[in-house]
Amino acid sequence: MFLVLVSSLGGAQISCARASSFKIEGLELIHDNSLRRALRNYYTSEYYHEWGGTYAYRTNNFRRLVPFASYRTTMQTSFSEWKPLELRIESVSCAKSRCMVRIKFRERVDQKASETYAKGYANVLTHTEDTEWKLLGKEWEGIDTGVRTHIPLNANLSND
């Protein structure tokens, strides 16, 4: 279970009350503590299917375009056959109030999804994607948090 406190800017503070086998490696590559915290909180919330936690880190424009009820339903469907295992931050490039964070995602795919997305491959897939984050005040927001072939709402839908 998580405690999610949402600020007026949409950022969230998440406190994990249970141990996790989910690994986030490479956080030391991120020198900005608030960006490091945003990524850790966002992807830990994603791992536990805490959609209020992930939604809180999306941009204001995104939240205006996508109501939470629709977001939650789509994310639940997107993750119904996928289980995040770990992610590794490979590089970080920042300019002004925006950062591109290259992340290698490793996920387990159930048999049904494996037949759709990964014919002939093992049920553990790796995706490397450039995610994009922007600073609004003192909080980082996810513009593109990694589509990984099965999460359409993680794309930049709001042209931020």
N, C-alpha and C. Protein backbone atom coordinates (compact mmCIF):
# COMPACT_ATOMS: atom_id res chain seq x y z
N MET A 1 0.85 -1.18 0.00
CA MET A 1 0.00 0.00 0.00
C MET A 1 0.89 1.23 0.00
N PHE A 2 0.43 2.30 -0.64
CA PHE A 2 1.16 3.54 -0.72
C PHE A 2 0.35 4.66 -0.11
N LEU A 3 1.04 5.64 0.42
CA LEU A 3 0.44 6.89 0.82
C LEU A 3 0.82 7.90 -0.24
N VAL A 4 -0.18 8.49 -0.89
CA VAL A 4 0.09 9.45 -1.95
C VAL A 4 -0.42 10.81 -1.52
N LEU A 5 0.48 11.77 -1.45
CA LEU A 5 0.13 13.15 -1.14
C LEU A 5 0.36 13.97 -2.39
N VAL A 6 -0.66 14.62 -2.89
CA VAL A 6 -0.55 15.36 -4.13
C VAL A 6 -0.48 16.85 -3.83
N SER A 7 0.55 17.51 -4.37
CA SER A 7 0.69 18.95 -4.18
C SER A 7 -0.20 19.68 -5.19
N SER A 8 -0.31 20.97 -5.05
CA SER A 8 -1.13 21.76 -5.98
C SER A 8 -0.54 21.75 -7.39
N LEU A 9 0.72 21.43 -7.53
CA LEU A 9 1.35 21.37 -8.85
C LEU A 9 1.23 19.98 -9.47
N GLY A 10 0.65 19.05 -8.74
CA GLY A 10 0.44 17.73 -9.30
C GLY A 10 1.52 16.73 -8.94
N GLY A 11 2.59 17.13 -8.27
CA GLY A 11 3.62 16.19 -7.89
C GLY A 11 3.13 15.30 -6.76
N ALA A 12 3.79 14.19 -6.54
CA ALA A 12 3.34 13.28 -5.50
C ALA A 12 4.52 12.83 -4.67
N GLN A 13 4.26 12.59 -3.43
CA GLN A 13 5.23 11.96 -2.54
C GLN A 13 4.68 10.59 -2.22
N ILE A 14 5.43 9.55 -2.46
CA ILE A 14 4.94 8.21 -2.25
C ILE A 14 5.81 7.52 -1.23
N SER A 15 5.18 6.91 -0.28
CA SER A 15 5.90 6.20 0.75
C SER A 15 5.54 4.72 0.66
N CYS A 16 6.52 3.90 0.40
CA CYS A 16 6.28 2.47 0.22
C CYS A 16 6.21 1.78 1.58
N ALA A 17 5.11 1.05 1.79
CA ALA A 17 4.92 0.37 3.06
C ALA A 17 5.22 -1.12 2.95
N ARG A 18 5.74 -1.58 1.82
CA ARG A 18 6.10 -2.99 1.68
C ARG A 18 7.37 -3.11 0.85
N ALA A 19 8.08 -4.17 1.08
CA ALA A 19 9.32 -4.40 0.35
C ALA A 19 9.00 -4.77 -1.10
N SER A 20 9.89 -4.46 -2.00
CA SER A 20 9.66 -4.71 -3.41
C SER A 20 10.82 -5.46 -4.01
N SER A 21 10.50 -6.36 -4.95
CA SER A 21 11.55 -7.01 -5.70
C SER A 21 11.85 -6.22 -6.98
N PHE A 22 11.11 -5.15 -7.21
CA PHE A 22 11.30 -4.28 -8.37
C PHE A 22 12.58 -3.48 -8.19
N LYS A 23 13.42 -3.47 -9.21
CA LYS A 23 14.71 -2.78 -9.12
C LYS A 23 14.74 -1.58 -10.04
N ILE A 24 15.25 -0.48 -9.52
CA ILE A 24 15.54 0.70 -10.33
C ILE A 24 17.04 0.96 -10.17
N GLU A 25 17.77 0.73 -11.24
CA GLU A 25 19.21 0.92 -11.21
C GLU A 25 19.59 2.19 -11.96
N GLY A 26 20.71 2.76 -11.60
CA GLY A 26 21.23 3.92 -12.30
C GLY A 26 20.72 5.25 -11.80
N LEU A 27 20.00 5.25 -10.68
CA LEU A 27 19.50 6.52 -10.15
C LEU A 27 20.62 7.51 -9.85
N GLU A 28 21.82 7.01 -9.60
CA GLU A 28 22.95 7.90 -9.30
C GLU A 28 23.33 8.77 -10.51
N LEU A 29 22.86 8.41 -11.71
CA LEU A 29 23.12 9.23 -12.89
C LEU A 29 22.30 10.52 -12.89
N ILE A 30 21.27 10.55 -12.06
CA ILE A 30 20.41 11.74 -11.98
C ILE A 30 20.90 12.59 -10.83
N HIS A 31 21.41 13.77 -11.13
CA HIS A 31 21.99 14.64 -10.11
C HIS A 31 20.97 15.50 -9.39
N ASP A 32 19.81 15.69 -10.00
CA ASP A 32 18.75 16.49 -9.38
C ASP A 32 17.92 15.57 -8.48
N ASN A 33 17.94 15.85 -7.17
CA ASN A 33 17.23 14.99 -6.21
C ASN A 33 15.74 14.90 -6.48
N SER A 34 15.12 16.01 -6.89
CA SER A 34 13.68 15.99 -7.11
C SER A 34 13.33 15.18 -8.36
N LEU A 35 14.17 15.20 -9.39
CA LEU A 35 13.93 14.36 -10.57
C LEU A 35 14.13 12.89 -10.21
N ARG A 36 15.16 12.60 -9.45
CA ARG A 36 15.41 11.23 -9.01
C ARG A 36 14.19 10.70 -8.24
N ARG A 37 13.68 11.52 -7.33
CA ARG A 37 12.50 11.14 -6.54
C ARG A 37 11.28 10.94 -7.44
N ALA A 38 11.09 11.83 -8.42
CA ALA A 38 9.94 11.72 -9.33
C ALA A 38 9.99 10.41 -10.12
N LEU A 39 11.14 10.08 -10.66
CA LEU A 39 11.25 8.83 -11.41
C LEU A 39 11.04 7.62 -10.50
N ARG A 40 11.66 7.62 -9.35
CA ARG A 40 11.48 6.50 -8.42
C ARG A 40 10.00 6.34 -8.06
N ASN A 41 9.35 7.45 -7.71
CA ASN A 41 7.94 7.38 -7.31
C ASN A 41 7.04 6.97 -8.47
N TYR A 42 7.27 7.54 -9.64
CA TYR A 42 6.43 7.22 -10.79
C TYR A 42 6.50 5.72 -11.12
N TYR A 43 7.71 5.20 -11.29
CA TYR A 43 7.85 3.81 -11.74
C TYR A 43 7.54 2.80 -10.63
N THR A 44 7.72 3.18 -9.37
CA THR A 44 7.29 2.30 -8.28
C THR A 44 5.76 2.26 -8.24
N SER A 45 5.11 3.38 -8.44
CA SER A 45 3.65 3.40 -8.52
C SER A 45 3.16 2.56 -9.69
N GLU A 46 3.85 2.66 -10.81
CA GLU A 46 3.49 1.85 -11.98
C GLU A 46 3.61 0.36 -11.65
N TYR A 47 4.70 -0.01 -10.99
CA TYR A 47 4.92 -1.41 -10.62
C TYR A 47 3.78 -1.96 -9.77
N TYR A 48 3.31 -1.16 -8.81
CA TYR A 48 2.24 -1.60 -7.92
C TYR A 48 0.84 -1.27 -8.44
N HIS A 49 0.75 -0.77 -9.67
CA HIS A 49 -0.54 -0.42 -10.28
C HIS A 49 -1.28 0.61 -9.45
N GLU A 50 -0.52 1.54 -8.89
CA GLU A 50 -1.09 2.66 -8.14
C GLU A 50 -1.26 3.82 -9.12
N TRP A 51 -2.38 3.80 -9.86
CA TRP A 51 -2.55 4.73 -10.96
C TRP A 51 -2.75 6.17 -10.51
N GLY A 52 -3.19 6.40 -9.30
CA GLY A 52 -3.26 7.77 -8.77
C GLY A 52 -1.86 8.35 -8.63
N GLY A 53 -0.90 7.51 -8.25
CA GLY A 53 0.49 7.95 -8.11
C GLY A 53 1.12 8.29 -9.44
N THR A 54 0.87 7.48 -10.48
CA THR A 54 1.44 7.79 -11.79
C THR A 54 0.75 8.99 -12.41
N TYR A 55 -0.55 9.07 -12.26
CA TYR A 55 -1.33 10.18 -12.84
C TYR A 55 -0.90 11.52 -12.26
N ALA A 56 -0.57 11.53 -10.98
CA ALA A 56 -0.14 12.76 -10.32
C ALA A 56 1.15 13.32 -10.92
N TYR A 57 1.96 12.48 -11.52
CA TYR A 57 3.22 12.92 -12.13
C TYR A 57 3.09 13.29 -13.60
N ARG A 58 1.91 13.14 -14.18
CA ARG A 58 1.72 13.55 -15.57
C ARG A 58 1.49 15.06 -15.62
N THR A 59 1.70 15.67 -16.78
CA THR A 59 1.61 17.12 -16.88
C THR A 59 0.17 17.60 -16.68
N ASN A 60 0.06 18.88 -16.32
CA ASN A 60 -1.27 19.49 -16.18
C ASN A 60 -2.07 19.37 -17.48
N ASN A 61 -1.43 19.61 -18.61
CA ASN A 61 -2.12 19.48 -19.90
C ASN A 61 -2.62 18.07 -20.13
N PHE A 62 -1.81 17.09 -19.80
CA PHE A 62 -2.23 15.69 -19.94
C PHE A 62 -3.46 15.42 -19.08
N ARG A 63 -3.41 15.88 -17.82
CA ARG A 63 -4.54 15.61 -16.92
C ARG A 63 -5.80 16.34 -17.36
N ARG A 64 -5.67 17.47 -18.05
CA ARG A 64 -6.84 18.14 -18.61
C ARG A 64 -7.44 17.34 -19.77
N LEU A 65 -6.59 16.70 -20.56
CA LEU A 65 -7.04 15.92 -21.73
C LEU A 65 -7.57 14.54 -21.37
N VAL A 66 -6.99 13.92 -20.35
CA VAL A 66 -7.32 12.53 -20.02
C VAL A 66 -7.88 12.48 -18.60
N PRO A 67 -9.19 12.26 -18.46
CA PRO A 67 -9.77 12.14 -17.11
C PRO A 67 -9.19 10.93 -16.38
N PHE A 68 -9.09 11.04 -15.06
CA PHE A 68 -8.47 9.97 -14.28
C PHE A 68 -9.17 8.63 -14.47
N ALA A 69 -10.49 8.60 -14.51
CA ALA A 69 -11.21 7.33 -14.66
C ALA A 69 -10.80 6.62 -15.96
N SER A 70 -10.69 7.36 -17.04
CA SER A 70 -10.25 6.78 -18.31
C SER A 70 -8.81 6.32 -18.23
N TYR A 71 -7.98 7.15 -17.61
CA TYR A 71 -6.55 6.81 -17.44
C TYR A 71 -6.41 5.50 -16.67
N ARG A 72 -7.09 5.41 -15.53
CA ARG A 72 -6.99 4.21 -14.69
C ARG A 72 -7.42 2.96 -15.46
N THR A 73 -8.55 3.03 -16.15
CA THR A 73 -9.05 1.87 -16.91
C THR A 73 -8.06 1.45 -17.99
N THR A 74 -7.52 2.42 -18.74
CA THR A 74 -6.58 2.11 -19.81
C THR A 74 -5.28 1.54 -19.25
N MET A 75 -4.79 2.12 -18.16
CA MET A 75 -3.55 1.60 -17.56
C MET A 75 -3.75 0.19 -17.01
N GLN A 76 -4.88 -0.08 -16.39
CA GLN A 76 -5.15 -1.42 -15.89
C GLN A 76 -5.13 -2.43 -17.04
N THR A 77 -5.75 -2.06 -18.14
CA THR A 77 -5.76 -2.94 -19.32
C THR A 77 -4.35 -3.09 -19.88
N SER A 78 -3.61 -2.00 -19.97
CA SER A 78 -2.26 -2.03 -20.52
C SER A 78 -1.33 -2.93 -19.72
N PHE A 79 -1.56 -3.02 -18.41
CA PHE A 79 -0.69 -3.82 -17.55
C PHE A 79 -1.27 -5.19 -17.19
N SER A 80 -2.42 -5.53 -17.73
CA SER A 80 -3.05 -6.79 -17.34
C SER A 80 -2.22 -8.01 -17.72
N GLU A 81 -1.40 -7.90 -18.75
CA GLU A 81 -0.61 -9.05 -19.21
C GLU A 81 0.90 -8.80 -19.10
N TRP A 82 1.29 -7.69 -18.45
CA TRP A 82 2.69 -7.30 -18.35
C TRP A 82 3.05 -7.06 -16.89
N LYS A 83 4.23 -7.45 -16.51
CA LYS A 83 4.71 -7.23 -15.14
C LYS A 83 6.10 -6.61 -15.21
N PRO A 84 6.24 -5.34 -14.79
CA PRO A 84 7.59 -4.76 -14.76
C PRO A 84 8.49 -5.55 -13.82
N LEU A 85 9.72 -5.79 -14.22
CA LEU A 85 10.68 -6.50 -13.39
C LEU A 85 11.75 -5.56 -12.85
N GLU A 86 12.28 -4.74 -13.73
CA GLU A 86 13.32 -3.79 -13.33
C GLU A 86 13.49 -2.75 -14.41
N LEU A 87 14.11 -1.67 -14.04
CA LEU A 87 14.50 -0.68 -15.04
C LEU A 87 15.87 -0.15 -14.67
N ARG A 88 16.58 0.24 -15.72
CA ARG A 88 17.93 0.79 -15.56
C ARG A 88 17.98 2.12 -16.28
N ILE A 89 18.35 3.15 -15.55
CA ILE A 89 18.56 4.45 -16.15
C ILE A 89 19.93 4.41 -16.82
N GLU A 90 19.96 4.65 -18.12
CA GLU A 90 21.19 4.53 -18.88
C GLU A 90 21.87 5.88 -19.13
N SER A 91 21.07 6.93 -19.28
CA SER A 91 21.66 8.25 -19.49
C SER A 91 20.63 9.33 -19.17
N VAL A 92 21.13 10.51 -18.87
CA VAL A 92 20.29 11.66 -18.54
C VAL A 92 20.88 12.86 -19.27
N SER A 93 20.02 13.59 -19.96
CA SER A 93 20.44 14.80 -20.66
C SER A 93 19.43 15.90 -20.36
N CYS A 94 19.90 16.98 -19.74
CA CYS A 94 19.00 18.06 -19.32
C CYS A 94 19.39 19.38 -19.98
N ALA A 95 18.37 20.15 -20.32
CA ALA A 95 18.54 21.51 -20.82
C ALA A 95 17.41 22.35 -20.24
N LYS A 96 17.79 23.38 -19.51
CA LYS A 96 16.83 24.26 -18.84
C LYS A 96 15.93 23.43 -17.94
N SER A 97 14.64 23.45 -18.19
CA SER A 97 13.69 22.77 -17.30
C SER A 97 13.18 21.45 -17.87
N ARG A 98 13.93 20.85 -18.79
CA ARG A 98 13.54 19.57 -19.39
C ARG A 98 14.69 18.58 -19.33
N CYS A 99 14.33 17.32 -19.12
CA CYS A 99 15.33 16.26 -19.12
C CYS A 99 14.84 15.08 -19.95
N MET A 100 15.75 14.51 -20.71
CA MET A 100 15.52 13.25 -21.40
C MET A 100 16.25 12.19 -20.59
N VAL A 101 15.53 11.16 -20.20
CA VAL A 101 16.12 10.08 -19.41
C VAL A 101 15.94 8.79 -20.21
N ARG A 102 17.05 8.23 -20.66
CA ARG A 102 17.00 6.96 -21.39
C ARG A 102 16.93 5.83 -20.36
N ILE A 103 15.89 5.01 -20.53
CA ILE A 103 15.63 3.93 -19.57
C ILE A 103 15.51 2.61 -20.31
N LYS A 104 16.15 1.59 -19.76
CA LYS A 104 15.98 0.22 -20.26
C LYS A 104 14.99 -0.46 -19.31
N PHE A 105 13.84 -0.83 -19.85
CA PHE A 105 12.79 -1.50 -19.09
C PHE A 105 12.86 -3.00 -19.34
N ARG A 106 12.72 -3.79 -18.30
CA ARG A 106 12.65 -5.25 -18.42
C ARG A 106 11.32 -5.68 -17.83
N GLU A 107 10.50 -6.40 -18.63
CA GLU A 107 9.16 -6.78 -18.22
C GLU A 107 8.86 -8.24 -18.55
N ARG A 108 8.05 -8.85 -17.70
CA ARG A 108 7.57 -10.22 -17.95
C ARG A 108 6.22 -10.10 -18.66
N VAL A 109 6.06 -10.92 -19.69
CA VAL A 109 4.85 -10.91 -20.49
C VAL A 109 4.15 -12.25 -20.32
N ASP A 110 2.83 -12.22 -20.07
CA ASP A 110 2.15 -13.51 -19.97
C ASP A 110 1.98 -14.12 -21.37
N GLN A 111 1.53 -15.36 -21.44
CA GLN A 111 1.49 -16.09 -22.69
C GLN A 111 0.64 -15.39 -23.75
N LYS A 112 -0.53 -14.89 -23.38
CA LYS A 112 -1.42 -14.24 -24.34
C LYS A 112 -0.74 -13.02 -24.97
N ALA A 113 -0.15 -12.17 -24.15
CA ALA A 113 0.54 -10.98 -24.67
C ALA A 113 1.77 -11.39 -25.46
N SER A 114 2.43 -12.44 -25.02
CA SER A 114 3.63 -12.91 -25.72
C SER A 114 3.28 -13.32 -27.14
N GLU A 115 2.13 -13.95 -27.33
CA GLU A 115 1.70 -14.33 -28.68
C GLU A 115 1.43 -13.11 -29.54
N THR A 116 0.96 -12.03 -28.94
CA THR A 116 0.64 -10.81 -29.67
C THR A 116 1.88 -9.98 -29.96
N TYR A 117 2.72 -9.75 -28.94
CA TYR A 117 3.82 -8.80 -29.05
C TYR A 117 5.18 -9.43 -29.30
N ALA A 118 5.33 -10.68 -28.95
CA ALA A 118 6.68 -11.24 -28.95
C ALA A 118 6.71 -12.67 -29.47
N LYS A 119 6.10 -12.88 -30.62
CA LYS A 119 6.06 -14.22 -31.18
C LYS A 119 7.47 -14.80 -31.28
N GLY A 120 7.63 -15.99 -30.74
CA GLY A 120 8.90 -16.67 -30.83
C GLY A 120 9.96 -16.22 -29.84
N TYR A 121 9.63 -15.29 -28.96
CA TYR A 121 10.60 -14.80 -27.99
C TYR A 121 10.26 -15.28 -26.59
N ALA A 122 11.21 -15.14 -25.72
CA ALA A 122 10.99 -15.49 -24.31
C ALA A 122 9.93 -14.55 -23.73
N ASN A 123 9.41 -14.92 -22.57
CA ASN A 123 8.36 -14.08 -21.99
C ASN A 123 8.92 -12.93 -21.15
N VAL A 124 10.20 -12.64 -21.25
CA VAL A 124 10.78 -11.45 -20.63
C VAL A 124 11.34 -10.59 -21.76
N LEU A 125 10.80 -9.38 -21.86
CA LEU A 125 11.20 -8.47 -22.93
C LEU A 125 11.91 -7.26 -22.36
N THR A 126 12.80 -6.69 -23.16
CA THR A 126 13.53 -5.48 -22.80
C THR A 126 13.24 -4.40 -23.83
N HIS A 127 12.93 -3.23 -23.35
CA HIS A 127 12.67 -2.06 -24.20
C HIS A 127 13.58 -0.93 -23.71
N THR A 128 14.23 -0.23 -24.61
CA THR A 128 14.97 0.97 -24.23
C THR A 128 14.26 2.17 -24.84
N GLU A 129 13.92 3.14 -24.01
CA GLU A 129 13.17 4.30 -24.47
C GLU A 129 13.71 5.58 -23.86
N ASP A 130 13.55 6.65 -24.59
CA ASP A 130 13.88 7.98 -24.09
C ASP A 130 12.61 8.56 -23.47
N THR A 131 12.63 8.76 -22.17
CA THR A 131 11.49 9.37 -21.50
C THR A 131 11.78 10.86 -21.36
N GLU A 132 10.73 11.64 -21.23
CA GLU A 132 10.91 13.10 -21.15
C GLU A 132 10.18 13.64 -19.93
N TRP A 133 10.87 14.53 -19.22
CA TRP A 133 10.36 15.11 -17.97
C TRP A 133 10.56 16.61 -18.01
N LYS A 134 9.61 17.35 -17.43
CA LYS A 134 9.79 18.81 -17.37
C LYS A 134 9.55 19.29 -15.94
N LEU A 135 10.29 20.33 -15.59
CA LEU A 135 10.21 20.92 -14.26
C LEU A 135 9.16 22.02 -14.29
N LEU A 136 8.21 21.92 -13.37
CA LEU A 136 7.20 22.96 -13.20
C LEU A 136 7.27 23.40 -11.75
N GLY A 137 7.79 24.58 -11.52
CA GLY A 137 8.02 25.03 -10.15
C GLY A 137 9.13 24.19 -9.54
N LYS A 138 8.80 23.43 -8.51
CA LYS A 138 9.78 22.55 -7.87
C LYS A 138 9.49 21.07 -8.13
N GLU A 139 8.50 20.77 -8.96
CA GLU A 139 8.08 19.40 -9.23
C GLU A 139 8.35 19.00 -10.67
N TRP A 140 8.79 17.76 -10.87
CA TRP A 140 9.00 17.22 -12.21
C TRP A 140 7.75 16.48 -12.65
N GLU A 141 7.40 16.67 -13.92
CA GLU A 141 6.24 16.01 -14.50
C GLU A 141 6.68 15.17 -15.70
N GLY A 142 6.04 14.02 -15.87
CA GLY A 142 6.36 13.14 -16.99
C GLY A 142 5.60 13.54 -18.24
N ILE A 143 6.33 13.89 -19.28
CA ILE A 143 5.72 14.20 -20.58
C ILE A 143 5.53 12.90 -21.35
N ASP A 144 6.59 12.11 -21.43
CA ASP A 144 6.57 10.79 -22.08
C ASP A 144 7.29 9.85 -21.12
N THR A 145 6.56 8.88 -20.59
CA THR A 145 7.13 8.03 -19.54
C THR A 145 7.45 6.61 -20.01
N GLY A 146 7.44 6.40 -21.33
CA GLY A 146 7.85 5.11 -21.89
C GLY A 146 6.67 4.26 -22.32
N VAL A 147 6.41 4.21 -23.62
CA VAL A 147 5.25 3.48 -24.17
C VAL A 147 5.45 1.97 -24.10
N ARG A 148 6.64 1.48 -24.38
CA ARG A 148 7.00 0.06 -24.30
C ARG A 148 6.04 -0.87 -25.04
N THR A 149 5.52 -0.48 -26.17
CA THR A 149 4.61 -1.21 -27.07
C THR A 149 3.22 -1.46 -26.51
N HIS A 150 2.99 -1.29 -25.22
CA HIS A 150 1.69 -1.66 -24.67
C HIS A 150 1.06 -0.60 -23.77
N ILE A 151 1.65 0.59 -23.66
CA ILE A 151 1.12 1.60 -22.74
C ILE A 151 0.90 2.91 -23.52
N PRO A 152 -0.16 3.01 -24.31
CA PRO A 152 -0.35 4.20 -25.14
C PRO A 152 -0.46 5.50 -24.35
N LEU A 153 -0.97 5.45 -23.13
CA LEU A 153 -1.12 6.68 -22.36
C LEU A 153 0.19 7.19 -21.77
N ASN A 154 1.28 6.45 -21.92
CA ASN A 154 2.58 6.95 -21.47
C ASN A 154 3.24 7.86 -22.51
N ALA A 155 2.63 7.99 -23.68
CA ALA A 155 3.18 8.85 -24.73
C ALA A 155 2.89 10.32 -24.42
N ASN A 156 3.54 11.20 -25.17
CA ASN A 156 3.30 12.64 -25.06
C ASN A 156 2.02 12.96 -25.83
N LEU A 157 0.90 12.92 -25.16
CA LEU A 157 -0.39 13.17 -25.80
C LEU A 157 -0.78 14.64 -25.78
N SER A 158 -0.12 15.43 -24.96
CA SER A 158 -0.55 16.81 -24.75
C SER A 158 0.35 17.83 -25.43
N ASN A 159 1.32 17.39 -26.20
CA ASN A 159 2.24 18.29 -26.91
C ASN A 159 2.90 19.30 -25.98
N ASP A 160 3.29 18.86 -24.80
CA ASP A 160 3.98 19.74 -23.84
C ASP A 160 5.38 20.05 -24.33
